[in-house]
Amino acid sequence: MNPTEMVVAIVAIVMFASVMRAKYGYGRRRDHALADPKDQAENLRLREEVKDLKERLKVLERITVEKENTLSREIEDLRDR
């Protein structure tokens, strides 16, 4: 089999596999509406938890930056004396 025939064969196999996947729906996650309600509830709970954690992280970052700035100002004030 020469290289051209091999490339044509590979392309044909991939196209056939794509058609079969589309026909039978393998590898697709488009049925979110049909998902288990228990899974949907868990997903919503986890999203809320991540949202809360992100908010807490923002607060901690702000506190840390404020402390660093305060410390820098105090050091500069001591140097000026």
Protein backbone atom coordinates (compact mmCIF):
# COMPACT_ATOMS: atom_id res chain seq x y z
CA MET A 1 0.00 0.00 0.00
CA ASN A 2 1.53 3.31 -1.02
CA PRO A 3 1.31 6.44 1.17
CA THR A 4 -1.51 8.01 -0.85
CA GLU A 5 -3.72 4.95 -0.48
CA MET A 6 -2.95 4.83 3.23
CA VAL A 7 -3.99 8.49 3.68
CA VAL A 8 -7.21 7.90 1.73
CA ALA A 9 -7.96 4.82 3.83
CA ILE A 10 -7.38 6.70 7.10
CA VAL A 11 -9.61 9.57 5.97
CA ALA A 12 -12.34 7.11 4.96
CA ILE A 13 -12.16 5.31 8.31
CA VAL A 14 -12.34 8.59 10.23
CA MET A 15 -15.31 9.77 8.17
CA PHE A 16 -17.11 6.45 8.70
CA ALA A 17 -16.46 6.64 12.44
CA SER A 18 -17.74 10.23 12.55
CA VAL A 19 -20.94 9.26 10.76
CA MET A 20 -21.50 6.34 13.13
CA ARG A 21 -20.81 8.51 16.17
CA ALA A 22 -23.30 11.12 14.93
CA LYS A 23 -25.90 8.47 14.16
CA TYR A 24 -25.71 6.75 17.54
CA GLY A 25 -24.76 9.79 19.63
CA TYR A 26 -21.62 8.40 21.22
CA GLY A 27 -19.24 10.90 22.78
CA ARG A 28 -21.82 13.66 22.99
CA ARG A 29 -23.13 15.26 26.18
CA ARG A 30 -26.04 17.20 24.67
CA ASP A 31 -28.66 15.54 26.84
CA HIS A 32 -28.20 17.81 29.88
CA ALA A 33 -31.95 18.32 30.12
CA LEU A 34 -32.39 14.56 30.49
CA ALA A 35 -29.81 14.29 33.27
CA ASP A 36 -30.73 12.91 36.67
CA PRO A 37 -32.36 15.60 38.87
CA LYS A 38 -30.15 14.48 41.74
CA ASP A 39 -27.07 15.22 39.60
CA GLN A 40 -28.49 18.59 38.62
CA ALA A 41 -29.09 19.50 42.25
CA GLU A 42 -25.54 18.46 43.16
CA ASN A 43 -24.16 20.47 40.27
CA LEU A 44 -26.09 23.56 41.37
CA ARG A 45 -24.92 23.12 44.97
CA LEU A 46 -21.30 22.82 43.86
CA ARG A 47 -21.58 25.90 41.66
CA GLU A 48 -22.91 27.91 44.61
CA GLU A 49 -20.11 26.61 46.81
CA VAL A 50 -17.48 27.61 44.26
CA LYS A 51 -19.09 31.05 43.99
CA ASP A 52 -18.95 31.48 47.78
CA LEU A 53 -15.33 30.31 47.91
CA LYS A 54 -14.32 32.75 45.19
CA GLU A 55 -15.92 35.58 47.15
CA ARG A 56 -14.08 34.55 50.31
CA LEU A 57 -10.82 34.39 48.38
CA LYS A 58 -11.34 37.95 47.12
CA VAL A 59 -11.84 39.14 50.69
CA LEU A 60 -8.70 37.35 51.88
CA GLU A 61 -6.66 38.81 49.01
CA ARG A 62 -7.91 42.30 49.85
CA ILE A 63 -7.02 41.84 53.53
CA THR A 64 -3.56 40.57 52.61
CA VAL A 65 -2.86 43.47 50.27
CA GLU A 66 -4.07 45.98 52.86
CA LYS A 67 -1.79 44.47 55.50
CA GLU A 68 1.20 44.57 53.14
CA ASN A 69 0.52 48.23 52.34
CA THR A 70 0.09 49.07 56.01
CA LEU A 71 3.32 47.30 56.88
CA SER A 72 5.18 49.11 54.10
CA ARG A 73 3.87 52.46 55.33
CA GLU A 74 4.90 51.73 58.90
CA ILE A 75 8.40 50.77 57.76
CA GLU A 76 8.67 53.96 55.72
CA ASP A 77 7.45 56.01 58.69
CA LEU A 78 10.14 54.43 60.88
CA ARG A 79 12.81 55.22 58.28
CA ASP A 80 11.73 58.86 58.14
CA ARG A 81 12.26 59.34 61.88
